[in-house]
Amino acid sequence: MNLKKGSYYFEAWGAAGGGTESEAGRGGYTAGNISFDSDKKIYVVVGCRGENATNSGYNKLTIKKGGCGGGGNGGKGSAKIRGYAAGSGGGGATSVYLIKGDTSSRIMVSAGGGGGYEWCSGGHAGGLVGGNSVGKVYTAYEATQTRGNVNGIGDNGYSKDDVQNGGGQGNCGCGGGYYGGKTSEHEGYQSDVGGSGGSSYISGHNGCTSHRSGYQFSNTKMLAGNERIPLPSGEYATGNYGDGYFRISCVKWNNVPATQEPIDYMNKPRIFKRG
């Protein structure tokens, strides 16, 4: 995406993990103003929602994919024990890059939520810290600003027949983010756990390190997936249940307010979404 010299308002929504509305970890919301003193090219990856868990026939032996943007895959269910399902995939993060494909160049990340199923809800997206998912016995641990799965990719859930004494459901995938969520490393009976949420990031936001490029946002907002957030539709909800979004609004172009100098390519907010 090529941006002219000027000031812009970025908004990003992370995607939810797989599962029903009561099970899935929901995506977060980030926003802020940023200025470029020359024409600038940025790259945006919009997160996708993780696939839902399944518990029927061959489907439970099929890995449920995490959403684009770093969502972790859900683990397969058990072929040996009837009724043990495949876990949902984690939700992907929506991220702004300065260099295509280089995770170290991200200046804004809105995290994805962890996958969930009937036995355990997924952890919500961060915020500075994502939500964990507590199972019957074990926990999938949330991402922070300094800890979690590297390169913004949520952990894959474990599959139940891949280990000795495998039993129980396939663990759900974790959410993508600045750091991706981490899954439980335990296996066997009652090891079932949902996916944890990823962490969000905004260069210039309190609690985040400033990006090495020097670009920083002002008037920032960072809301977790368990908080009330604005949706692209203008409505409000607790987190984002669905695919991610990215919206950019031009505030000034060549130091002229956008309301006085309409710009064809950016005179209205542009929304980028899956598909």
C-alpha atoms as a PDB file:
ATOM      1  CA  MET A   1       0.000   0.000   0.000  1.00  0.00           C
ATOM      2  CA  ASN A   2       1.516   3.311  -1.102  1.00  0.00           C
ATOM      3  CA  LEU A   3       0.811   6.291   1.162  1.00  0.00           C
ATOM      4  CA  LYS A   4       1.507   9.917   0.336  1.00  0.00           C
ATOM      5  CA  LYS A   5       3.316  12.226   2.723  1.00  0.00           C
ATOM      6  CA  GLY A   6       0.823  13.091   5.451  1.00  0.00           C
ATOM      7  CA  SER A   7      -0.938  12.024   8.635  1.00  0.00           C
ATOM      8  CA  TYR A   8      -3.143   8.979   8.985  1.00  0.00           C
ATOM      9  CA  TYR A   9      -5.296   7.156  11.489  1.00  0.00           C
ATOM     10  CA  PHE A  10      -4.811   3.382  11.546  1.00  0.00           C
ATOM     11  CA  GLU A  11      -7.295   0.926  13.060  1.00  0.00           C
ATOM     12  CA  ALA A  12      -6.748  -2.828  13.223  1.00  0.00           C
ATOM     13  CA  TRP A  13      -8.922  -5.679  14.448  1.00  0.00           C
ATOM     14  CA  GLY A  14      -7.475  -9.115  15.213  1.00  0.00           C
ATOM     15  CA  ALA A  15      -9.425 -12.253  14.343  1.00  0.00           C
ATOM     16  CA  ALA A  16     -11.220 -14.624  16.692  1.00  0.00           C
ATOM     17  CA  GLY A  17     -10.205 -18.212  17.222  1.00  0.00           C
ATOM     18  CA  GLY A  18     -12.432 -21.047  16.067  1.00  0.00           C
ATOM     19  CA  GLY A  19     -15.439 -22.096  18.133  1.00  0.00           C
ATOM     20  CA  THR A  20     -18.891 -20.784  18.944  1.00  0.00           C
ATOM     21  CA  GLU A  21     -19.411 -17.266  20.283  1.00  0.00           C
ATOM     22  CA  SER A  22     -19.204 -18.571  23.839  1.00  0.00           C
ATOM     23  CA  GLU A  23     -16.107 -20.710  23.177  1.00  0.00           C
ATOM     24  CA  ALA A  24     -13.801 -18.726  20.893  1.00  0.00           C
ATOM     25  CA  GLY A  25     -11.206 -16.287  22.160  1.00  0.00           C
ATOM     26  CA  ARG A  26     -12.024 -12.943  20.562  1.00  0.00           C
ATOM     27  CA  GLY A  27      -9.752 -10.629  18.623  1.00  0.00           C
ATOM     28  CA  GLY A  28      -8.464  -7.296  19.898  1.00  0.00           C
ATOM     29  CA  TYR A  29      -8.422  -3.712  18.629  1.00  0.00           C
ATOM     30  CA  THR A  30      -5.559  -1.256  18.117  1.00  0.00           C
ATOM     31  CA  ALA A  31      -5.595   2.298  16.782  1.00  0.00           C
ATOM     32  CA  GLY A  32      -3.454   5.425  16.556  1.00  0.00           C
ATOM     33  CA  ASN A  33      -2.287   8.417  14.536  1.00  0.00           C
ATOM     34  CA  ILE A  34       0.932   8.312  12.548  1.00  0.00           C
ATOM     35  CA  SER A  35       2.686  10.796  10.244  1.00  0.00           C
ATOM     36  CA  PHE A  36       5.033  10.203   7.316  1.00  0.00           C
ATOM     37  CA  ASP A  37       7.313  13.042   6.175  1.00  0.00           C
ATOM     38  CA  SER A  38       7.691  11.479   2.728  1.00  0.00           C
ATOM     39  CA  ASP A  39       5.801   8.983   0.592  1.00  0.00           C
ATOM     40  CA  LYS A  40       5.767   5.609   2.344  1.00  0.00           C
ATOM     41  CA  LYS A  41       4.974   2.037   1.375  1.00  0.00           C
ATOM     42  CA  ILE A  42       3.475  -0.217   4.031  1.00  0.00           C
ATOM     43  CA  TYR A  43       2.284  -3.802   4.013  1.00  0.00           C
ATOM     44  CA  VAL A  44      -0.793  -5.072   5.842  1.00  0.00           C
ATOM     45  CA  VAL A  45      -1.684  -8.661   6.740  1.00  0.00           C
ATOM     46  CA  VAL A  46      -5.299  -9.037   7.851  1.00  0.00           C
ATOM     47  CA  GLY A  47      -5.948 -11.899  10.251  1.00  0.00           C
ATOM     48  CA  CYS A  48      -8.482 -14.649   9.569  1.00  0.00           C
ATOM     49  CA  ARG A  49     -10.652 -16.563  12.008  1.00  0.00           C
ATOM     50  CA  GLY A  50      -9.568 -20.088  12.993  1.00  0.00           C
ATOM     51  CA  GLU A  51     -11.524 -23.126  11.819  1.00  0.00           C
ATOM     52  CA  ASN A  52     -14.094 -24.648  14.163  1.00  0.00           C
ATOM     53  CA  ALA A  53     -13.545 -27.865  16.100  1.00  0.00           C
ATOM     54  CA  THR A  54     -15.250 -31.015  14.810  1.00  0.00           C
ATOM     55  CA  ASN A  55     -16.281 -34.253  16.467  1.00  0.00           C
ATOM     56  CA  SER A  56     -17.604 -36.508  13.744  1.00  0.00           C
ATOM     57  CA  GLY A  57     -16.058 -39.289  11.702  1.00  0.00           C
ATOM     58  CA  TYR A  58     -13.049 -38.450   9.573  1.00  0.00           C
ATOM     59  CA  ASN A  59     -13.412 -34.732  10.322  1.00  0.00           C
ATOM     60  CA  LYS A  60     -12.118 -35.151  13.839  1.00  0.00           C
ATOM     61  CA  LEU A  61      -8.887 -36.574  12.392  1.00  0.00           C
ATOM     62  CA  THR A  62      -8.392 -33.518  10.182  1.00  0.00           C
ATOM     63  CA  ILE A  63      -6.292 -30.665  11.512  1.00  0.00           C
ATOM     64  CA  LYS A  64      -8.361 -27.511  11.910  1.00  0.00           C
ATOM     65  CA  LYS A  65      -6.326 -24.672  10.475  1.00  0.00           C
ATOM     66  CA  GLY A  66      -5.429 -21.510  12.291  1.00  0.00           C
ATOM     67  CA  GLY A  67      -6.316 -18.244  10.605  1.00  0.00           C
ATOM     68  CA  CYS A  68      -3.935 -16.365   8.302  1.00  0.00           C
ATOM     69  CA  GLY A  69      -1.874 -13.883  10.272  1.00  0.00           C
ATOM     70  CA  GLY A  70      -0.285 -16.439  12.575  1.00  0.00           C
ATOM     71  CA  GLY A  71      -3.146 -18.464  14.069  1.00  0.00           C
ATOM     72  CA  GLY A  72      -1.998 -21.876  15.316  1.00  0.00           C
ATOM     73  CA  ASN A  73      -3.580 -25.090  14.044  1.00  0.00           C
ATOM     74  CA  GLY A  74      -5.814 -27.180  16.267  1.00  0.00           C
ATOM     75  CA  GLY A  75      -4.732 -30.694  17.205  1.00  0.00           C
ATOM     76  CA  LYS A  76      -6.391 -33.791  15.740  1.00  0.00           C
ATOM     77  CA  GLY A  77      -8.874 -35.762  17.794  1.00  0.00           C
ATOM     78  CA  SER A  78      -8.442 -39.374  18.814  1.00  0.00           C
ATOM     79  CA  ALA A  79      -9.010 -42.199  16.343  1.00  0.00           C
ATOM     80  CA  LYS A  80      -8.903 -44.667  19.225  1.00  0.00           C
ATOM     81  CA  ILE A  81     -11.544 -43.177  21.472  1.00  0.00           C
ATOM     82  CA  ARG A  82     -14.988 -42.216  20.252  1.00  0.00           C
ATOM     83  CA  GLY A  83     -16.155 -38.694  20.974  1.00  0.00           C
ATOM     84  CA  TYR A  84     -12.732 -37.074  21.258  1.00  0.00           C
ATOM     85  CA  ALA A  85     -12.747 -34.086  18.921  1.00  0.00           C
ATOM     86  CA  ALA A  86     -10.279 -32.100  16.860  1.00  0.00           C
ATOM     87  CA  GLY A  87      -9.428 -28.731  18.421  1.00  0.00           C
ATOM     88  CA  SER A  88     -10.322 -25.386  16.848  1.00  0.00           C
ATOM     89  CA  GLY A  89      -7.693 -23.261  15.120  1.00  0.00           C
ATOM     90  CA  GLY A  90      -6.395 -20.000  16.585  1.00  0.00           C
ATOM     91  CA  GLY A  91      -7.232 -16.568  15.201  1.00  0.00           C
ATOM     92  CA  GLY A  92      -4.715 -14.582  13.177  1.00  0.00           C
ATOM     93  CA  ALA A  93      -3.339 -11.132  13.971  1.00  0.00           C
ATOM     94  CA  THR A  94      -3.774  -8.056  11.797  1.00  0.00           C
ATOM     95  CA  SER A  95      -0.362  -6.417  11.379  1.00  0.00           C
ATOM     96  CA  VAL A  96       1.252  -3.417   9.683  1.00  0.00           C
ATOM     97  CA  TYR A  97       4.738  -4.026   8.252  1.00  0.00           C
ATOM     98  CA  LEU A  98       7.347  -1.629   6.938  1.00  0.00           C
ATOM     99  CA  ILE A  99       9.109  -4.490   5.121  1.00  0.00           C
ATOM    100  CA  LYS A 100       7.105  -7.260   3.490  1.00  0.00           C
ATOM    101  CA  GLY A 101       7.270 -10.496   5.480  1.00  0.00           C
ATOM    102  CA  ASP A 102       9.735  -9.171   8.074  1.00  0.00           C
ATOM    103  CA  THR A 103       8.134  -9.562  11.506  1.00  0.00           C
ATOM    104  CA  SER A 104      10.761  -7.289  13.061  1.00  0.00           C
ATOM    105  CA  SER A 105       9.396  -4.428  10.916  1.00  0.00           C
ATOM    106  CA  ARG A 106       5.880  -4.494  12.412  1.00  0.00           C
ATOM    107  CA  ILE A 107       4.761  -1.167  13.865  1.00  0.00           C
ATOM    108  CA  MET A 108       1.197  -2.163  14.786  1.00  0.00           C
ATOM    109  CA  VAL A 109      -0.249  -5.581  15.659  1.00  0.00           C
ATOM    110  CA  SER A 110      -3.801  -6.386  16.722  1.00  0.00           C
ATOM    111  CA  ALA A 111      -3.724  -9.891  18.159  1.00  0.00           C
ATOM    112  CA  GLY A 112      -5.930 -12.896  17.486  1.00  0.00           C
ATOM    113  CA  GLY A 113      -7.798 -14.972  20.037  1.00  0.00           C
ATOM    114  CA  GLY A 114      -7.240 -18.629  20.861  1.00  0.00           C
ATOM    115  CA  GLY A 115      -9.420 -21.447  19.581  1.00  0.00           C
ATOM    116  CA  GLY A 116     -12.005 -22.935  21.923  1.00  0.00           C
ATOM    117  CA  TYR A 117     -14.397 -25.844  22.198  1.00  0.00           C
ATOM    118  CA  GLU A 118     -17.065 -27.073  24.579  1.00  0.00           C
ATOM    119  CA  TRP A 119     -14.557 -28.350  27.135  1.00  0.00           C
ATOM    120  CA  CYS A 120     -12.563 -25.130  27.330  1.00  0.00           C
ATOM    121  CA  SER A 121     -12.912 -21.578  26.016  1.00  0.00           C
ATOM    122  CA  GLY A 122     -10.078 -19.941  24.092  1.00  0.00           C
ATOM    123  CA  GLY A 123      -8.050 -17.131  25.622  1.00  0.00           C
ATOM    124  CA  HIS A 124      -8.852 -13.628  24.416  1.00  0.00           C
ATOM    125  CA  ALA A 125      -6.422 -11.514  22.398  1.00  0.00           C
ATOM    126  CA  GLY A 126      -4.327  -8.859  24.158  1.00  0.00           C
ATOM    127  CA  GLY A 127      -3.840  -5.964  25.021  1.00  0.00           C
ATOM    128  CA  LEU A 128      -0.314  -5.897  26.206  1.00  0.00           C
ATOM    129  CA  VAL A 129      -0.978  -9.409  27.483  1.00  0.00           C
ATOM    130  CA  GLY A 130      -3.204 -12.036  25.890  1.00  0.00           C
ATOM    131  CA  GLY A 131      -5.620 -14.247  27.783  1.00  0.00           C
ATOM    132  CA  ASN A 132      -4.711 -17.760  28.862  1.00  0.00           C
ATOM    133  CA  SER A 133      -6.939 -20.823  28.633  1.00  0.00           C
ATOM    134  CA  VAL A 134      -7.346 -22.977  31.712  1.00  0.00           C
ATOM    135  CA  GLY A 135      -8.323 -26.587  31.053  1.00  0.00           C
ATOM    136  CA  LYS A 136      -9.402 -29.298  33.468  1.00  0.00           C
ATOM    137  CA  VAL A 137      -5.862 -29.642  34.783  1.00  0.00           C
ATOM    138  CA  TYR A 138      -3.418 -27.683  32.626  1.00  0.00           C
ATOM    139  CA  THR A 139      -3.107 -24.165  31.214  1.00  0.00           C
ATOM    140  CA  ALA A 140      -2.177 -22.697  27.832  1.00  0.00           C
ATOM    141  CA  TYR A 141      -0.164 -19.578  28.614  1.00  0.00           C
ATOM    142  CA  GLU A 142      -0.790 -16.148  27.161  1.00  0.00           C
ATOM    143  CA  ALA A 143       1.673 -14.024  25.213  1.00  0.00           C
ATOM    144  CA  THR A 144       3.180 -10.800  26.597  1.00  0.00           C
ATOM    145  CA  GLN A 145       5.417  -8.056  25.183  1.00  0.00           C
ATOM    146  CA  THR A 146       8.518 -10.157  25.816  1.00  0.00           C
ATOM    147  CA  ARG A 147       7.312 -13.758  26.014  1.00  0.00           C
ATOM    148  CA  GLY A 148       5.346 -16.155  23.861  1.00  0.00           C
ATOM    149  CA  ASN A 149       5.671 -17.905  20.550  1.00  0.00           C
ATOM    150  CA  VAL A 150       8.176 -16.176  18.272  1.00  0.00           C
ATOM    151  CA  ASN A 151       7.542 -14.494  14.910  1.00  0.00           C
ATOM    152  CA  GLY A 152       3.984 -13.693  15.933  1.00  0.00           C
ATOM    153  CA  ILE A 153       2.730 -17.227  15.282  1.00  0.00           C
ATOM    154  CA  GLY A 154       0.436 -18.977  17.755  1.00  0.00           C
ATOM    155  CA  ASP A 155       1.371 -22.453  18.916  1.00  0.00           C
ATOM    156  CA  ASN A 156      -0.280 -25.443  17.282  1.00  0.00           C
ATOM    157  CA  GLY A 157      -2.453 -27.575  19.546  1.00  0.00           C
ATOM    158  CA  TYR A 158      -1.247 -31.081  20.294  1.00  0.00           C
ATOM    159  CA  SER A 159      -2.907 -34.068  18.629  1.00  0.00           C
ATOM    160  CA  LYS A 160      -3.995 -36.868  20.919  1.00  0.00           C
ATOM    161  CA  ASP A 161      -2.854 -39.995  19.090  1.00  0.00           C
ATOM    162  CA  ASP A 162       0.645 -38.711  18.412  1.00  0.00           C
ATOM    163  CA  VAL A 163       1.952 -39.671  21.844  1.00  0.00           C
ATOM    164  CA  GLN A 164       1.950 -42.661  24.114  1.00  0.00           C
ATOM    165  CA  ASN A 165      -1.233 -42.839  26.187  1.00  0.00           C
ATOM    166  CA  GLY A 166      -2.779 -40.137  24.029  1.00  0.00           C
ATOM    167  CA  GLY A 167      -6.348 -39.518  25.038  1.00  0.00           C
ATOM    168  CA  GLY A 168      -8.762 -36.646  25.264  1.00  0.00           C
ATOM    169  CA  GLN A 169      -9.535 -33.927  22.786  1.00  0.00           C
ATOM    170  CA  GLY A 170      -7.120 -32.330  20.371  1.00  0.00           C
ATOM    171  CA  ASN A 171      -5.859 -29.113  21.968  1.00  0.00           C
ATOM    172  CA  CYS A 172      -6.936 -25.887  20.272  1.00  0.00           C
ATOM    173  CA  GLY A 173      -4.557 -23.602  18.384  1.00  0.00           C
ATOM    174  CA  CYS A 174      -3.324 -20.335  19.884  1.00  0.00           C
ATOM    175  CA  GLY A 175      -3.782 -16.801  18.606  1.00  0.00           C
ATOM    176  CA  GLY A 176      -1.230 -14.902  16.544  1.00  0.00           C
ATOM    177  CA  GLY A 177       0.135 -11.556  17.700  1.00  0.00           C
ATOM    178  CA  TYR A 178       3.239  -9.546  18.473  1.00  0.00           C
ATOM    179  CA  TYR A 179       4.079 -12.722  20.315  1.00  0.00           C
ATOM    180  CA  GLY A 180       1.844 -15.706  19.650  1.00  0.00           C
ATOM    181  CA  GLY A 181       0.089 -17.639  22.400  1.00  0.00           C
ATOM    182  CA  LYS A 182       1.703 -20.765  23.874  1.00  0.00           C
ATOM    183  CA  THR A 183      -0.102 -24.082  24.245  1.00  0.00           C
ATOM    184  CA  SER A 184       0.035 -26.583  27.071  1.00  0.00           C
ATOM    185  CA  GLU A 185       2.857 -29.088  26.586  1.00  0.00           C
ATOM    186  CA  HIS A 186       1.077 -31.782  28.580  1.00  0.00           C
ATOM    187  CA  GLU A 187      -0.496 -34.836  26.999  1.00  0.00           C
ATOM    188  CA  GLY A 188      -2.829 -37.630  27.936  1.00  0.00           C
ATOM    189  CA  TYR A 189      -6.010 -37.862  29.932  1.00  0.00           C
ATOM    190  CA  GLN A 190      -7.533 -34.529  30.971  1.00  0.00           C
ATOM    191  CA  SER A 191      -4.848 -32.557  29.141  1.00  0.00           C
ATOM    192  CA  ASP A 192      -7.545 -30.842  27.082  1.00  0.00           C
ATOM    193  CA  VAL A 193      -7.084 -27.090  26.837  1.00  0.00           C
ATOM    194  CA  GLY A 194      -8.133 -24.227  24.569  1.00  0.00           C
ATOM    195  CA  GLY A 195      -5.697 -21.940  22.796  1.00  0.00           C
ATOM    196  CA  SER A 196      -4.239 -18.863  24.480  1.00  0.00           C
ATOM    197  CA  GLY A 197      -4.386 -15.376  22.981  1.00  0.00           C
ATOM    198  CA  GLY A 198      -1.587 -13.421  21.328  1.00  0.00           C
ATOM    199  CA  SER A 199      -0.318 -10.025  22.479  1.00  0.00           C
ATOM    200  CA  SER A 200      -0.889  -6.747  20.628  1.00  0.00           C
ATOM    201  CA  TYR A 201       1.668  -4.032  19.900  1.00  0.00           C
ATOM    202  CA  ILE A 202       1.742  -0.359  18.904  1.00  0.00           C
ATOM    203  CA  SER A 203       4.993   1.537  18.502  1.00  0.00           C
ATOM    204  CA  GLY A 204       4.705   4.513  20.851  1.00  0.00           C
ATOM    205  CA  HIS A 205       2.024   2.994  23.098  1.00  0.00           C
ATOM    206  CA  ASN A 206       2.632   2.962  26.843  1.00  0.00           C
ATOM    207  CA  GLY A 207       4.054  -0.451  27.743  1.00  0.00           C
ATOM    208  CA  CYS A 208       5.404  -1.184  24.254  1.00  0.00           C
ATOM    209  CA  THR A 209       8.951  -0.630  23.048  1.00  0.00           C
ATOM    210  CA  SER A 210       9.342   2.032  20.363  1.00  0.00           C
ATOM    211  CA  HIS A 211      10.127   0.607  16.951  1.00  0.00           C
ATOM    212  CA  ARG A 212      13.727   0.932  15.779  1.00  0.00           C
ATOM    213  CA  SER A 213      12.563   2.745  12.616  1.00  0.00           C
ATOM    214  CA  GLY A 214      11.599   5.746  14.722  1.00  0.00           C
ATOM    215  CA  TYR A 215       7.969   5.627  13.588  1.00  0.00           C
ATOM    216  CA  GLN A 216       5.621   6.035  16.536  1.00  0.00           C
ATOM    217  CA  PHE A 217       1.872   6.372  16.874  1.00  0.00           C
ATOM    218  CA  SER A 218       0.131   8.990  19.008  1.00  0.00           C
ATOM    219  CA  ASN A 219      -3.354   8.995  20.568  1.00  0.00           C
ATOM    220  CA  THR A 220      -3.143   5.234  20.736  1.00  0.00           C
ATOM    221  CA  LYS A 221      -5.837   2.780  21.751  1.00  0.00           C
ATOM    222  CA  MET A 222      -5.229  -0.863  22.610  1.00  0.00           C
ATOM    223  CA  LEU A 223      -8.181  -2.989  23.693  1.00  0.00           C
ATOM    224  CA  ALA A 224      -8.144  -6.697  24.491  1.00  0.00           C
ATOM    225  CA  GLY A 225     -10.600  -9.243  23.143  1.00  0.00           C
ATOM    226  CA  ASN A 226     -12.476  -9.335  26.450  1.00  0.00           C
ATOM    227  CA  GLU A 227     -13.112  -5.574  26.398  1.00  0.00           C
ATOM    228  CA  ARG A 228     -15.787  -3.480  24.707  1.00  0.00           C
ATOM    229  CA  ILE A 229     -14.403  -2.390  21.346  1.00  0.00           C
ATOM    230  CA  PRO A 230     -15.687  -0.417  18.345  1.00  0.00           C
ATOM    231  CA  LEU A 231     -16.416  -2.551  15.290  1.00  0.00           C
ATOM    232  CA  PRO A 232     -15.925  -1.491  11.645  1.00  0.00           C
ATOM    233  CA  SER A 233     -19.719  -1.336  11.340  1.00  0.00           C
ATOM    234  CA  GLY A 234     -19.862   1.412  13.973  1.00  0.00           C
ATOM    235  CA  GLU A 235     -21.397  -0.884  16.569  1.00  0.00           C
ATOM    236  CA  TYR A 236     -19.710  -1.999  19.783  1.00  0.00           C
ATOM    237  CA  ALA A 237     -19.131  -5.510  21.095  1.00  0.00           C
ATOM    238  CA  THR A 238     -16.971  -7.488  23.480  1.00  0.00           C
ATOM    239  CA  GLY A 239     -13.991  -8.260  21.260  1.00  0.00           C
ATOM    240  CA  ASN A 240     -14.099  -9.172  17.583  1.00  0.00           C
ATOM    241  CA  TYR A 241     -15.857 -12.452  16.795  1.00  0.00           C
ATOM    242  CA  GLY A 242     -14.936 -13.080  13.185  1.00  0.00           C
ATOM    243  CA  ASP A 243     -12.208 -12.271  10.674  1.00  0.00           C
ATOM    244  CA  GLY A 244      -9.855  -9.353  11.205  1.00  0.00           C
ATOM    245  CA  TYR A 245     -10.095  -5.928   9.591  1.00  0.00           C
ATOM    246  CA  PHE A 246      -7.820  -2.988   8.872  1.00  0.00           C
ATOM    247  CA  ARG A 247      -8.985   0.562   8.261  1.00  0.00           C
ATOM    248  CA  ILE A 248      -6.935   3.618   7.377  1.00  0.00           C
ATOM    249  CA  SER A 249      -8.218   7.199   7.350  1.00  0.00           C
ATOM    250  CA  CYS A 250      -6.328  10.155   5.913  1.00  0.00           C
ATOM    251  CA  VAL A 251      -6.106  13.047   8.395  1.00  0.00           C
ATOM    252  CA  LYS A 252      -3.797  15.352   6.426  1.00  0.00           C
ATOM    253  CA  TRP A 253      -2.199  15.115   3.012  1.00  0.00           C
ATOM    254  CA  ASN A 254       0.824  17.337   2.377  1.00  0.00           C
ATOM    255  CA  ASN A 255      -0.163  19.190   5.568  1.00  0.00           C
ATOM    256  CA  VAL A 256      -3.639  20.089   4.245  1.00  0.00           C
ATOM    257  CA  PRO A 257      -6.590  18.673   6.253  1.00  0.00           C
ATOM    258  CA  ALA A 258      -8.233  15.899   4.286  1.00  0.00           C
ATOM    259  CA  THR A 259     -11.676  17.450   4.834  1.00  0.00           C
ATOM    260  CA  GLN A 260     -10.542  20.534   2.863  1.00  0.00           C
ATOM    261  CA  GLU A 261      -8.532  18.744   0.197  1.00  0.00           C
ATOM    262  CA  PRO A 262     -10.361  15.565  -0.843  1.00  0.00           C
ATOM    263  CA  ILE A 263      -8.046  12.839  -2.025  1.00  0.00           C
ATOM    264  CA  ASP A 264      -9.478  10.332  -4.453  1.00  0.00           C
ATOM    265  CA  TYR A 265      -7.511   7.390  -3.170  1.00  0.00           C
ATOM    266  CA  MET A 266      -8.028   8.213   0.501  1.00  0.00           C
ATOM    267  CA  ASN A 267     -10.847  10.733   0.903  1.00  0.00           C
ATOM    268  CA  LYS A 268     -12.849   8.092   2.762  1.00  0.00           C
ATOM    269  CA  PRO A 269     -11.648   5.449   5.195  1.00  0.00           C
ATOM    270  CA  ARG A 270     -10.593   2.279   3.437  1.00  0.00           C
ATOM    271  CA  ILE A 271     -11.396  -1.078   5.002  1.00  0.00           C
ATOM    272  CA  PHE A 272      -9.327  -4.131   4.245  1.00  0.00           C
ATOM    273  CA  LYS A 273     -10.718  -7.515   5.195  1.00  0.00           C
ATOM    274  CA  ARG A 274     -10.366 -11.176   4.372  1.00  0.00           C
ATOM    275  CA  GLY A 275     -11.180 -11.961   0.757  1.00  0.00           C
END
